[in-house]
Protein backbone atom coordinates (compact mmCIF):
# COMPACT_ATOMS: atom_id res chain seq x y z
CA MET A 1 87.64 88.00 104.95
CA TYR A 2 90.67 85.87 103.71
CA GLU A 3 92.55 89.07 102.44
CA LEU A 4 91.91 90.92 105.67
CA ASN A 5 93.27 87.82 107.75
CA PHE A 6 96.20 87.71 105.29
CA TYR A 7 97.07 91.30 105.84
CA ILE A 8 96.73 90.98 109.68
CA GLU A 9 99.17 88.18 109.43
CA ASP A 10 101.47 90.11 107.25
CA TYR A 11 101.66 92.94 109.76
CA GLN A 12 101.97 90.84 112.75
CA GLU A 13 105.13 89.28 110.98
CA ARG A 14 106.48 92.59 110.07
CA ILE A 15 105.92 93.98 113.70
CA LYS A 16 107.78 90.57 114.95
CA ASN A 17 110.70 90.95 112.53
CA GLU A 18 111.02 94.89 113.49
CA GLN A 19 111.18 93.76 117.26
CA GLU A 20 113.84 91.12 116.57
CA GLU A 21 115.94 93.58 114.48
CA ARG A 22 115.80 96.05 117.40
CA LEU A 23 116.93 93.44 119.81
CA MET A 24 119.70 92.32 117.82
CA LEU A 25 120.96 96.12 117.31
CA THR A 26 120.76 96.66 120.89
CA TYR A 27 122.72 93.58 121.58
CA LEU A 28 125.34 94.31 119.24
CA ASN A 29 125.70 98.09 120.52
CA ALA A 30 126.06 96.77 124.13
CA ALA A 31 128.66 94.30 122.91
CA TRP A 32 130.66 96.80 120.89
CA VAL A 33 130.38 99.32 123.99
CA ARG A 34 132.21 96.64 126.08
CA CYS A 35 134.78 95.70 123.50
CA LYS A 36 138.46 96.91 124.09
CA ARG A 37 139.28 97.77 120.51
CA MET A 38 136.59 98.51 117.86
CA PRO A 39 136.90 96.57 114.51
CA SER A 40 137.18 98.55 111.41
CA LEU A 41 133.79 99.25 109.46
CA ASN A 42 135.28 97.85 106.31
CA LYS A 43 136.07 94.60 108.24
CA LEU A 44 132.64 94.39 109.72
CA LEU A 45 131.06 94.89 106.35
CA GLY A 46 133.30 92.27 104.71
CA LYS A 47 135.01 94.77 102.36
CA THR A 48 138.72 94.59 101.56
CA GLU A 49 141.10 97.50 100.89
CA PRO A 50 142.80 97.43 97.75
CA ALA A 51 146.48 96.59 98.04
CA LYS A 52 148.66 99.63 97.90
CA LYS A 53 151.21 99.31 95.11
CA LYS A 54 154.86 100.30 95.87
CA MET A 55 156.30 102.99 93.76
CA THR A 56 159.52 102.17 91.92
CA ASP A 57 162.56 104.96 92.48
CA GLU A 58 161.93 106.09 89.25
CA GLU A 59 158.26 106.71 89.68
CA MET A 60 159.03 108.53 92.82
CA PHE A 61 161.32 110.64 91.21
CA LYS A 62 158.79 111.64 88.40
CA LYS A 63 156.28 112.35 91.07
CA VAL A 64 158.76 114.70 93.03
CA LYS A 65 159.68 116.55 89.99
CA MET A 66 155.96 117.19 89.03
CA LEU A 67 155.20 118.43 92.21
CA HIS A 68 158.25 120.50 92.40
CA LYS A 69 157.09 122.03 89.00
CA ALA A 70 153.64 122.59 90.15
CA LEU A 71 154.74 124.49 93.52
CA GLY A 72 156.74 126.71 91.33
CA GLY A 73 160.23 125.28 91.91
CA ASN A 74 163.27 126.10 89.65
């Protein structure tokens, strides 16, 4: 009897959590529909993009020469 009661309480708690999650998702969806500009997904997830490294003039020239050869240039 104790185990059955435990499973019933667990099931009720799981159902309650699912309902709260659905309500939260509905609320956030409604808020995003009304926002003027949508934030990026990476920002929402807390992920940062790696900083882009600037190429030096010499690196740029080497890259251009490599592409020129790859495309059949003289």
